[in-house]
């Protein structure tokens, strides 16, 4: 069984600020904000939602089919996928664009300030989804706006159940559009902030959303997550990390685990529990794709 993972492939430039943003930003001066953060540590990682989710799913032994775009500078990403055993069948190269780029500054409390250049990601709608016997599942992760809409509709038309994960692209859809996307989706996953925005824009509570799909997961960071099914909430306890090093990509690791569980027919609480485990493994490593998973220790082998 394979899962199509629609979303971005990006290069992440990650910088660490040794202080706290809150100590450098004056709330009463936000209208003339002009700040600079000294970042002694800098590195470049492979990232993007589709890449991170595909990496997580592959670490667990699942079959990932990322559907995304890279620019003229994307060969190293394609080579990486091939070494990892991740298919590039649905990865399109846009020759006159750069691969998406994320500039991430993390402070000592793991707060983040991000800048994102979409580049080739904005052409992701050029690749389409159709039914195929080996494709049983999908996810719509943050991507170009047109791609998210078209791929969601194509999943629905092909009869492929999918997870809707709007992430940071949620503000680009109005309430009517979000209600339609939820009608097409089988499951929804958001963090707590996104969950509040989703409810505000659709006019539906978490319970009401869960009655329109097979399940809703709201992640709560260090507090674990909530699983909503048929209007009922089940809290899922967090998994304590061995160390807290870098939160970048934790949400995507969770979503890779979610896909793995759904591929195997697990109930949603069990999927979410595995997601919390994988998030705790990821946060102990720098970068979104530099951790390894011992599937035996997770009871998967």
C-alpha atoms as a PDB file:
ATOM      1  CA  UNK A   1       0.000   0.000   0.000  1.00  0.00           C
ATOM      2  CA  UNK A   2       1.314   3.458  -0.902  1.00  0.00           C
ATOM      3  CA  UNK A   3       0.409   6.984   0.213  1.00  0.00           C
ATOM      4  CA  UNK A   4       0.583  10.078  -1.989  1.00  0.00           C
ATOM      5  CA  UNK A   5       2.038  12.959   0.004  1.00  0.00           C
ATOM      6  CA  UNK A   6       1.113  16.322  -1.502  1.00  0.00           C
ATOM      7  CA  UNK A   7       3.119  19.220  -0.148  1.00  0.00           C
ATOM      8  CA  UNK A   8       6.338  21.163  -0.433  1.00  0.00           C
ATOM      9  CA  UNK A   9       9.926  20.130  -0.877  1.00  0.00           C
ATOM     10  CA  UNK A  10      12.186  22.827   0.501  1.00  0.00           C
ATOM     11  CA  UNK A  11      15.670  23.613   1.647  1.00  0.00           C
ATOM     12  CA  UNK A  12      15.630  24.784   5.277  1.00  0.00           C
ATOM     13  CA  UNK A  13      18.218  27.280   6.434  1.00  0.00           C
ATOM     14  CA  UNK A  14      18.047  26.933  10.210  1.00  0.00           C
ATOM     15  CA  UNK A  15      19.609  29.458  12.569  1.00  0.00           C
ATOM     16  CA  UNK A  16      19.764  29.405  16.370  1.00  0.00           C
ATOM     17  CA  UNK A  17      19.355  32.599  18.391  1.00  0.00           C
ATOM     18  CA  UNK A  18      20.760  32.126  21.889  1.00  0.00           C
ATOM     19  CA  UNK A  19      18.422  34.660  23.506  1.00  0.00           C
ATOM     20  CA  UNK A  20      14.652  35.063  23.660  1.00  0.00           C
ATOM     21  CA  UNK A  21      12.625  36.877  21.010  1.00  0.00           C
ATOM     22  CA  UNK A  22      10.406  38.292  23.756  1.00  0.00           C
ATOM     23  CA  UNK A  23      13.413  40.114  25.247  1.00  0.00           C
ATOM     24  CA  UNK A  24      14.329  41.727  21.926  1.00  0.00           C
ATOM     25  CA  UNK A  25      10.921  42.798  20.608  1.00  0.00           C
ATOM     26  CA  UNK A  26       9.198  45.770  22.274  1.00  0.00           C
ATOM     27  CA  UNK A  27       5.414  45.249  22.148  1.00  0.00           C
ATOM     28  CA  UNK A  28       4.661  48.992  22.049  1.00  0.00           C
ATOM     29  CA  UNK A  29       7.040  49.494  19.111  1.00  0.00           C
ATOM     30  CA  UNK A  30       5.723  46.824  16.734  1.00  0.00           C
ATOM     31  CA  UNK A  31       4.567  49.504  14.279  1.00  0.00           C
ATOM     32  CA  UNK A  32       8.238  50.415  13.683  1.00  0.00           C
ATOM     33  CA  UNK A  33       9.742  46.960  14.173  1.00  0.00           C
ATOM     34  CA  UNK A  34      13.426  46.823  13.244  1.00  0.00           C
ATOM     35  CA  UNK A  35      15.341  44.011  14.915  1.00  0.00           C
ATOM     36  CA  UNK A  36      18.389  41.889  14.200  1.00  0.00           C
ATOM     37  CA  UNK A  37      19.220  38.562  15.824  1.00  0.00           C
ATOM     38  CA  UNK A  38      22.780  37.284  16.138  1.00  0.00           C
ATOM     39  CA  UNK A  39      22.705  33.624  15.045  1.00  0.00           C
ATOM     40  CA  UNK A  40      26.069  31.917  15.707  1.00  0.00           C
ATOM     41  CA  UNK A  41      24.816  28.510  14.518  1.00  0.00           C
ATOM     42  CA  UNK A  42      23.562  28.003  10.968  1.00  0.00           C
ATOM     43  CA  UNK A  43      22.962  24.923   8.860  1.00  0.00           C
ATOM     44  CA  UNK A  44      21.092  23.900   5.723  1.00  0.00           C
ATOM     45  CA  UNK A  45      18.766  20.902   5.809  1.00  0.00           C
ATOM     46  CA  UNK A  46      16.401  19.062   3.516  1.00  0.00           C
ATOM     47  CA  UNK A  47      12.869  20.014   4.487  1.00  0.00           C
ATOM     48  CA  UNK A  48       9.403  20.900   3.287  1.00  0.00           C
ATOM     49  CA  UNK A  49       6.234  19.187   4.493  1.00  0.00           C
ATOM     50  CA  UNK A  50       6.099  16.536   1.755  1.00  0.00           C
ATOM     51  CA  UNK A  51       9.767  15.679   2.199  1.00  0.00           C
ATOM     52  CA  UNK A  52       9.552  15.491   5.983  1.00  0.00           C
ATOM     53  CA  UNK A  53       6.376  13.398   5.999  1.00  0.00           C
ATOM     54  CA  UNK A  54       7.781  11.054   3.340  1.00  0.00           C
ATOM     55  CA  UNK A  55      10.971  10.662   5.390  1.00  0.00           C
ATOM     56  CA  UNK A  56       8.986   9.789   8.529  1.00  0.00           C
ATOM     57  CA  UNK A  57       6.757   7.306   6.731  1.00  0.00           C
ATOM     58  CA  UNK A  58       9.765   5.637   5.120  1.00  0.00           C
ATOM     59  CA  UNK A  59      11.542   5.406   8.500  1.00  0.00           C
ATOM     60  CA  UNK A  60       8.563   3.419   9.778  1.00  0.00           C
ATOM     61  CA  UNK A  61       8.601   1.090   6.778  1.00  0.00           C
ATOM     62  CA  UNK A  62       5.755   2.657   4.796  1.00  0.00           C
ATOM     63  CA  UNK A  63       5.687   3.437   1.087  1.00  0.00           C
ATOM     64  CA  UNK A  64       5.775   7.182   0.431  1.00  0.00           C
ATOM     65  CA  UNK A  65       4.965   8.802  -2.915  1.00  0.00           C
ATOM     66  CA  UNK A  66       5.724  12.516  -2.517  1.00  0.00           C
ATOM     67  CA  UNK A  67       3.918  14.711  -5.053  1.00  0.00           C
ATOM     68  CA  UNK A  68       5.778  17.991  -5.178  1.00  0.00           C
ATOM     69  CA  UNK A  69       7.950  20.312  -7.240  1.00  0.00           C
ATOM     70  CA  UNK A  70      11.601  21.320  -7.061  1.00  0.00           C
ATOM     71  CA  UNK A  71      13.489  23.982  -8.951  1.00  0.00           C
ATOM     72  CA  UNK A  72      16.632  23.910 -11.039  1.00  0.00           C
ATOM     73  CA  UNK A  73      18.627  23.507  -7.811  1.00  0.00           C
ATOM     74  CA  UNK A  74      16.689  20.418  -6.697  1.00  0.00           C
ATOM     75  CA  UNK A  75      18.926  17.594  -7.948  1.00  0.00           C
ATOM     76  CA  UNK A  76      20.456  16.966  -4.524  1.00  0.00           C
ATOM     77  CA  UNK A  77      16.979  16.487  -3.071  1.00  0.00           C
ATOM     78  CA  UNK A  78      16.051  14.012  -5.809  1.00  0.00           C
ATOM     79  CA  UNK A  79      19.307  12.126  -5.224  1.00  0.00           C
ATOM     80  CA  UNK A  80      18.582  11.990  -1.493  1.00  0.00           C
ATOM     81  CA  UNK A  81      15.158  10.478  -2.060  1.00  0.00           C
ATOM     82  CA  UNK A  82      16.595   7.799  -4.303  1.00  0.00           C
ATOM     83  CA  UNK A  83      19.195   6.854  -1.662  1.00  0.00           C
ATOM     84  CA  UNK A  84      16.449   6.615   0.955  1.00  0.00           C
ATOM     85  CA  UNK A  85      14.276   4.444  -1.266  1.00  0.00           C
ATOM     86  CA  UNK A  86      11.623   7.124  -1.678  1.00  0.00           C
ATOM     87  CA  UNK A  87      10.037   7.332  -5.124  1.00  0.00           C
ATOM     88  CA  UNK A  88      10.466  10.510  -7.195  1.00  0.00           C
ATOM     89  CA  UNK A  89       7.788   9.421  -9.666  1.00  0.00           C
ATOM     90  CA  UNK A  90       5.550  12.377  -8.790  1.00  0.00           C
ATOM     91  CA  UNK A  91       8.285  14.982  -8.218  1.00  0.00           C
ATOM     92  CA  UNK A  92       8.313  17.563 -11.021  1.00  0.00           C
ATOM     93  CA  UNK A  93      11.309  19.792 -11.838  1.00  0.00           C
ATOM     94  CA  UNK A  94      10.530  23.443 -12.660  1.00  0.00           C
ATOM     95  CA  UNK A  95      13.578  24.659 -14.556  1.00  0.00           C
ATOM     96  CA  UNK A  96      12.957  28.422 -14.268  1.00  0.00           C
ATOM     97  CA  UNK A  97      12.446  28.523 -10.489  1.00  0.00           C
ATOM     98  CA  UNK A  98      14.295  27.793  -7.282  1.00  0.00           C
ATOM     99  CA  UNK A  99      13.257  25.026  -4.935  1.00  0.00           C
ATOM    100  CA  UNK A 100      11.200  26.429  -2.059  1.00  0.00           C
ATOM    101  CA  UNK A 101      13.368  27.912   0.690  1.00  0.00           C
ATOM    102  CA  UNK A 102      12.560  28.269   4.408  1.00  0.00           C
ATOM    103  CA  UNK A 103      14.603  30.596   6.621  1.00  0.00           C
ATOM    104  CA  UNK A 104      14.034  29.612  10.252  1.00  0.00           C
ATOM    105  CA  UNK A 105      15.326  31.330  13.389  1.00  0.00           C
ATOM    106  CA  UNK A 106      14.769  29.442  16.661  1.00  0.00           C
ATOM    107  CA  UNK A 107      15.264  31.083  20.059  1.00  0.00           C
ATOM    108  CA  UNK A 108      16.266  29.409  23.341  1.00  0.00           C
ATOM    109  CA  UNK A 109      12.594  28.665  24.182  1.00  0.00           C
ATOM    110  CA  UNK A 110      12.076  26.955  20.815  1.00  0.00           C
ATOM    111  CA  UNK A 111       9.951  29.822  19.497  1.00  0.00           C
ATOM    112  CA  UNK A 112      10.458  30.297  15.775  1.00  0.00           C
ATOM    113  CA  UNK A 113      10.382  33.124  13.233  1.00  0.00           C
ATOM    114  CA  UNK A 114      10.158  31.869   9.648  1.00  0.00           C
ATOM    115  CA  UNK A 115      10.552  33.369   6.216  1.00  0.00           C
ATOM    116  CA  UNK A 116       9.406  31.250   3.276  1.00  0.00           C
ATOM    117  CA  UNK A 117      10.051  31.619  -0.458  1.00  0.00           C
ATOM    118  CA  UNK A 118       7.646  29.282  -2.325  1.00  0.00           C
ATOM    119  CA  UNK A 119       9.554  29.142  -5.619  1.00  0.00           C
ATOM    120  CA  UNK A 120       8.726  25.990  -7.571  1.00  0.00           C
ATOM    121  CA  UNK A 121       6.057  25.046  -5.036  1.00  0.00           C
ATOM    122  CA  UNK A 122       3.633  27.465  -6.687  1.00  0.00           C
ATOM    123  CA  UNK A 123       3.626  25.182  -9.760  1.00  0.00           C
ATOM    124  CA  UNK A 124       2.671  22.047  -7.823  1.00  0.00           C
ATOM    125  CA  UNK A 125      -0.837  22.096  -9.322  1.00  0.00           C
ATOM    126  CA  UNK A 126       0.624  21.020 -12.692  1.00  0.00           C
ATOM    127  CA  UNK A 127       0.792  17.416 -11.435  1.00  0.00           C
ATOM    128  CA  UNK A 128      -2.539  15.645 -11.060  1.00  0.00           C
ATOM    129  CA  UNK A 129      -3.841  12.664  -9.058  1.00  0.00           C
ATOM    130  CA  UNK A 130      -5.708   9.716 -10.517  1.00  0.00           C
ATOM    131  CA  UNK A 131      -6.840   6.366  -9.141  1.00  0.00           C
ATOM    132  CA  UNK A 132      -4.273   3.546  -9.123  1.00  0.00           C
ATOM    133  CA  UNK A 133      -4.501   0.107  -7.564  1.00  0.00           C
ATOM    134  CA  UNK A 134      -1.476   0.545  -5.262  1.00  0.00           C
ATOM    135  CA  UNK A 135      -2.469   4.002  -3.973  1.00  0.00           C
ATOM    136  CA  UNK A 136      -4.766   3.648  -0.975  1.00  0.00           C
ATOM    137  CA  UNK A 137      -4.239   6.873   0.955  1.00  0.00           C
ATOM    138  CA  UNK A 138      -3.121  10.468   0.649  1.00  0.00           C
ATOM    139  CA  UNK A 139      -2.431  13.677   2.522  1.00  0.00           C
ATOM    140  CA  UNK A 140      -2.819  17.324   1.543  1.00  0.00           C
ATOM    141  CA  UNK A 141      -0.041  19.120   3.427  1.00  0.00           C
ATOM    142  CA  UNK A 142       0.847  22.820   3.020  1.00  0.00           C
ATOM    143  CA  UNK A 143       1.601  23.482  -0.653  1.00  0.00           C
ATOM    144  CA  UNK A 144       0.708  25.977  -3.356  1.00  0.00           C
ATOM    145  CA  UNK A 145      -2.874  27.153  -2.854  1.00  0.00           C
ATOM    146  CA  UNK A 146      -4.072  25.951  -6.263  1.00  0.00           C
ATOM    147  CA  UNK A 147      -2.349  22.594  -5.755  1.00  0.00           C
ATOM    148  CA  UNK A 148      -4.010  22.052  -2.368  1.00  0.00           C
ATOM    149  CA  UNK A 149      -7.461  22.740  -3.786  1.00  0.00           C
ATOM    150  CA  UNK A 150      -7.034  20.746  -6.995  1.00  0.00           C
ATOM    151  CA  UNK A 151      -5.334  17.766  -5.358  1.00  0.00           C
ATOM    152  CA  UNK A 152      -8.027  17.567  -2.666  1.00  0.00           C
ATOM    153  CA  UNK A 153     -10.727  17.522  -5.340  1.00  0.00           C
ATOM    154  CA  UNK A 154      -8.771  14.930  -7.347  1.00  0.00           C
ATOM    155  CA  UNK A 155      -8.407  12.670  -4.295  1.00  0.00           C
ATOM    156  CA  UNK A 156     -12.155  12.889  -3.728  1.00  0.00           C
ATOM    157  CA  UNK A 157     -12.974  12.182  -7.375  1.00  0.00           C
ATOM    158  CA  UNK A 158     -10.566   9.213  -7.432  1.00  0.00           C
ATOM    159  CA  UNK A 159     -12.104   7.758  -4.278  1.00  0.00           C
ATOM    160  CA  UNK A 160      -8.795   7.954  -2.390  1.00  0.00           C
ATOM    161  CA  UNK A 161      -9.274   8.783   1.315  1.00  0.00           C
ATOM    162  CA  UNK A 162      -6.960  11.573   2.462  1.00  0.00           C
ATOM    163  CA  UNK A 163      -5.834  13.610   5.426  1.00  0.00           C
ATOM    164  CA  UNK A 164      -6.327  17.373   5.178  1.00  0.00           C
ATOM    165  CA  UNK A 165      -3.416  19.164   6.882  1.00  0.00           C
ATOM    166  CA  UNK A 166      -3.710  22.870   5.950  1.00  0.00           C
ATOM    167  CA  UNK A 167      -0.938  24.079   8.272  1.00  0.00           C
ATOM    168  CA  UNK A 168       0.387  27.551   7.590  1.00  0.00           C
ATOM    169  CA  UNK A 169      -1.629  27.758   4.363  1.00  0.00           C
ATOM    170  CA  UNK A 170      -4.949  27.691   6.228  1.00  0.00           C
ATOM    171  CA  UNK A 171      -5.331  31.531   6.150  1.00  0.00           C
ATOM    172  CA  UNK A 172      -5.349  31.413   2.325  1.00  0.00           C
ATOM    173  CA  UNK A 173      -8.785  29.734   2.305  1.00  0.00           C
ATOM    174  CA  UNK A 174     -12.054  31.362   3.345  1.00  0.00           C
ATOM    175  CA  UNK A 175     -14.778  29.663   5.343  1.00  0.00           C
ATOM    176  CA  UNK A 176     -16.734  28.414   2.334  1.00  0.00           C
ATOM    177  CA  UNK A 177     -13.625  26.907   0.756  1.00  0.00           C
ATOM    178  CA  UNK A 178     -12.599  25.237   4.011  1.00  0.00           C
ATOM    179  CA  UNK A 179     -16.046  23.711   4.442  1.00  0.00           C
ATOM    180  CA  UNK A 180     -15.767  22.225   0.939  1.00  0.00           C
ATOM    181  CA  UNK A 181     -12.271  20.883   1.661  1.00  0.00           C
ATOM    182  CA  UNK A 182     -13.581  19.239   4.828  1.00  0.00           C
ATOM    183  CA  UNK A 183     -16.396  17.638   2.843  1.00  0.00           C
ATOM    184  CA  UNK A 184     -13.795  16.075   0.526  1.00  0.00           C
ATOM    185  CA  UNK A 185     -11.419  14.998   3.310  1.00  0.00           C
ATOM    186  CA  UNK A 186     -11.509  11.792   5.339  1.00  0.00           C
ATOM    187  CA  UNK A 187      -9.394  13.021   8.272  1.00  0.00           C
ATOM    188  CA  UNK A 188      -8.159  16.430   9.434  1.00  0.00           C
ATOM    189  CA  UNK A 189      -5.048  17.276  11.445  1.00  0.00           C
ATOM    190  CA  UNK A 190      -4.161  20.718  12.802  1.00  0.00           C
ATOM    191  CA  UNK A 191      -2.284  22.190  15.732  1.00  0.00           C
ATOM    192  CA  UNK A 192      -4.227  23.968  18.454  1.00  0.00           C
ATOM    193  CA  UNK A 193      -3.811  27.441  16.907  1.00  0.00           C
ATOM    194  CA  UNK A 194      -4.843  26.211  13.464  1.00  0.00           C
ATOM    195  CA  UNK A 195      -7.744  24.336  15.034  1.00  0.00           C
ATOM    196  CA  UNK A 196      -9.136  27.559  16.502  1.00  0.00           C
ATOM    197  CA  UNK A 197      -8.763  29.323  13.153  1.00  0.00           C
ATOM    198  CA  UNK A 198     -10.422  26.420  11.329  1.00  0.00           C
ATOM    199  CA  UNK A 199     -13.380  26.579  13.702  1.00  0.00           C
ATOM    200  CA  UNK A 200     -13.620  30.372  13.430  1.00  0.00           C
ATOM    201  CA  UNK A 201     -13.621  30.311   9.621  1.00  0.00           C
ATOM    202  CA  UNK A 202     -15.979  27.383   9.116  1.00  0.00           C
ATOM    203  CA  UNK A 203     -18.281  28.163  12.024  1.00  0.00           C
ATOM    204  CA  UNK A 204     -17.941  24.544  13.143  1.00  0.00           C
ATOM    205  CA  UNK A 205     -16.583  23.405  16.500  1.00  0.00           C
ATOM    206  CA  UNK A 206     -14.045  20.591  16.772  1.00  0.00           C
ATOM    207  CA  UNK A 207     -16.894  18.220  17.655  1.00  0.00           C
ATOM    208  CA  UNK A 208     -18.901  19.327  14.614  1.00  0.00           C
ATOM    209  CA  UNK A 209     -15.888  18.965  12.292  1.00  0.00           C
ATOM    210  CA  UNK A 210     -15.283  15.445  13.603  1.00  0.00           C
ATOM    211  CA  UNK A 211     -18.879  14.548  12.749  1.00  0.00           C
ATOM    212  CA  UNK A 212     -18.231  15.493   9.122  1.00  0.00           C
ATOM    213  CA  UNK A 213     -15.048  13.441   8.681  1.00  0.00           C
ATOM    214  CA  UNK A 214     -13.730  10.125   9.999  1.00  0.00           C
ATOM    215  CA  UNK A 215     -11.656  11.922  12.623  1.00  0.00           C
ATOM    216  CA  UNK A 216      -9.957  15.161  13.672  1.00  0.00           C
ATOM    217  CA  UNK A 217      -6.579  15.346  15.413  1.00  0.00           C
ATOM    218  CA  UNK A 218      -5.494  18.524  17.210  1.00  0.00           C
ATOM    219  CA  UNK A 219      -1.834  18.461  18.239  1.00  0.00           C
ATOM    220  CA  UNK A 220      -0.867  20.306  21.435  1.00  0.00           C
ATOM    221  CA  UNK A 221       2.939  20.247  21.357  1.00  0.00           C
ATOM    222  CA  UNK A 222       4.363  19.107  24.673  1.00  0.00           C
ATOM    223  CA  UNK A 223       0.827  18.378  25.948  1.00  0.00           C
ATOM    224  CA  UNK A 224       0.200  15.573  23.450  1.00  0.00           C
ATOM    225  CA  UNK A 225      -2.901  15.781  21.272  1.00  0.00           C
ATOM    226  CA  UNK A 226      -6.660  15.433  21.104  1.00  0.00           C
ATOM    227  CA  UNK A 227      -8.418  12.893  18.909  1.00  0.00           C
ATOM    228  CA  UNK A 228     -12.007  13.722  17.947  1.00  0.00           C
ATOM    229  CA  UNK A 229     -14.230  10.993  16.458  1.00  0.00           C
ATOM    230  CA  UNK A 230     -18.014  11.297  16.081  1.00  0.00           C
ATOM    231  CA  UNK A 231     -18.071  14.392  18.266  1.00  0.00           C
ATOM    232  CA  UNK A 232     -16.194  12.761  21.164  1.00  0.00           C
ATOM    233  CA  UNK A 233     -12.742  13.879  22.341  1.00  0.00           C
ATOM    234  CA  UNK A 234     -10.023  11.468  23.464  1.00  0.00           C
ATOM    235  CA  UNK A 235      -6.883  13.032  25.012  1.00  0.00           C
ATOM    236  CA  UNK A 236      -3.644  11.315  23.965  1.00  0.00           C
ATOM    237  CA  UNK A 237      -0.804  11.695  26.453  1.00  0.00           C
ATOM    238  CA  UNK A 238       2.506  13.171  25.305  1.00  0.00           C
ATOM    239  CA  UNK A 239       5.714  11.175  25.081  1.00  0.00           C
ATOM    240  CA  UNK A 240       8.600  12.777  26.942  1.00  0.00           C
ATOM    241  CA  UNK A 241      11.602  13.386  24.719  1.00  0.00           C
ATOM    242  CA  UNK A 242      15.075  12.313  25.801  1.00  0.00           C
ATOM    243  CA  UNK A 243      16.174  15.875  25.031  1.00  0.00           C
ATOM    244  CA  UNK A 244      14.678  18.937  23.379  1.00  0.00           C
ATOM    245  CA  UNK A 245      17.041  20.087  20.636  1.00  0.00           C
ATOM    246  CA  UNK A 246      15.061  21.312  17.618  1.00  0.00           C
ATOM    247  CA  UNK A 247      11.268  21.364  17.026  1.00  0.00           C
ATOM    248  CA  UNK A 248      11.588  21.816  13.264  1.00  0.00           C
ATOM    249  CA  UNK A 249       9.686  19.032  11.516  1.00  0.00           C
ATOM    250  CA  UNK A 250       8.047  17.518  14.611  1.00  0.00           C
ATOM    251  CA  UNK A 251       4.567  18.053  13.217  1.00  0.00           C
ATOM    252  CA  UNK A 252       5.555  16.387   9.957  1.00  0.00           C
ATOM    253  CA  UNK A 253       7.033  13.406  11.822  1.00  0.00           C
ATOM    254  CA  UNK A 254       3.686  13.089  13.607  1.00  0.00           C
ATOM    255  CA  UNK A 255       1.860  13.114  10.275  1.00  0.00           C
ATOM    256  CA  UNK A 256       4.133  10.458   8.808  1.00  0.00           C
ATOM    257  CA  UNK A 257       3.250   8.235  11.759  1.00  0.00           C
ATOM    258  CA  UNK A 258      -0.429   9.055  11.275  1.00  0.00           C
ATOM    259  CA  UNK A 259      -0.251   7.866   7.660  1.00  0.00           C
ATOM    260  CA  UNK A 260       1.558   4.687   8.715  1.00  0.00           C
ATOM    261  CA  UNK A 261      -1.149   3.863  11.228  1.00  0.00           C
ATOM    262  CA  UNK A 262      -3.960   4.616   8.797  1.00  0.00           C
ATOM    263  CA  UNK A 263      -2.264   2.475   6.134  1.00  0.00           C
ATOM    264  CA  UNK A 264      -2.354  -0.404   8.611  1.00  0.00           C
ATOM    265  CA  UNK A 265      -5.981   0.109   9.595  1.00  0.00           C
ATOM    266  CA  UNK A 266      -5.276   1.286  13.147  1.00  0.00           C
ATOM    267  CA  UNK A 267      -7.856   3.221  15.182  1.00  0.00           C
ATOM    268  CA  UNK A 268      -7.095   6.933  15.284  1.00  0.00           C
ATOM    269  CA  UNK A 269      -5.950   7.068  18.961  1.00  0.00           C
ATOM    270  CA  UNK A 270      -3.297   4.424  18.252  1.00  0.00           C
ATOM    271  CA  UNK A 271      -2.135   6.406  15.189  1.00  0.00           C
ATOM    272  CA  UNK A 272      -1.853   9.534  17.329  1.00  0.00           C
ATOM    273  CA  UNK A 273       0.093   7.705  20.030  1.00  0.00           C
ATOM    274  CA  UNK A 274       2.660   6.622  17.443  1.00  0.00           C
ATOM    275  CA  UNK A 275       2.737  10.213  16.206  1.00  0.00           C
ATOM    276  CA  UNK A 276       3.623  11.445  19.690  1.00  0.00           C
ATOM    277  CA  UNK A 277       6.406   8.844  19.895  1.00  0.00           C
ATOM    278  CA  UNK A 278       7.876   9.895  16.557  1.00  0.00           C
ATOM    279  CA  UNK A 279       7.664  13.584  17.450  1.00  0.00           C
ATOM    280  CA  UNK A 280       9.618  12.903  20.647  1.00  0.00           C
ATOM    281  CA  UNK A 281      12.306  11.103  18.639  1.00  0.00           C
ATOM    282  CA  UNK A 282      12.554  13.904  16.088  1.00  0.00           C
ATOM    283  CA  UNK A 283      12.766  16.776  18.582  1.00  0.00           C
ATOM    284  CA  UNK A 284      15.942  15.263  20.050  1.00  0.00           C
ATOM    285  CA  UNK A 285      17.770  15.731  16.710  1.00  0.00           C
ATOM    286  CA  UNK A 286      18.623  18.832  14.729  1.00  0.00           C
ATOM    287  CA  UNK A 287      16.894  19.242  11.394  1.00  0.00           C
ATOM    288  CA  UNK A 288      13.656  17.694  10.121  1.00  0.00           C
ATOM    289  CA  UNK A 289      15.204  14.623   8.435  1.00  0.00           C
ATOM    290  CA  UNK A 290      18.218  13.618  10.523  1.00  0.00           C
ATOM    291  CA  UNK A 291      16.665  11.187  13.018  1.00  0.00           C
ATOM    292  CA  UNK A 292      16.423   7.417  12.778  1.00  0.00           C
ATOM    293  CA  UNK A 293      13.694   5.123  14.076  1.00  0.00           C
ATOM    294  CA  UNK A 294      14.158   1.772  15.779  1.00  0.00           C
ATOM    295  CA  UNK A 295      10.939   0.096  14.673  1.00  0.00           C
ATOM    296  CA  UNK A 296      11.497  -2.801  17.076  1.00  0.00           C
ATOM    297  CA  UNK A 297      11.479  -0.457  20.067  1.00  0.00           C
ATOM    298  CA  UNK A 298       8.138   0.900  18.851  1.00  0.00           C
ATOM    299  CA  UNK A 299       6.712  -2.596  18.538  1.00  0.00           C
ATOM    300  CA  UNK A 300       6.436  -2.397  14.749  1.00  0.00           C
ATOM    301  CA  UNK A 301       8.716  -5.312  13.828  1.00  0.00           C
END
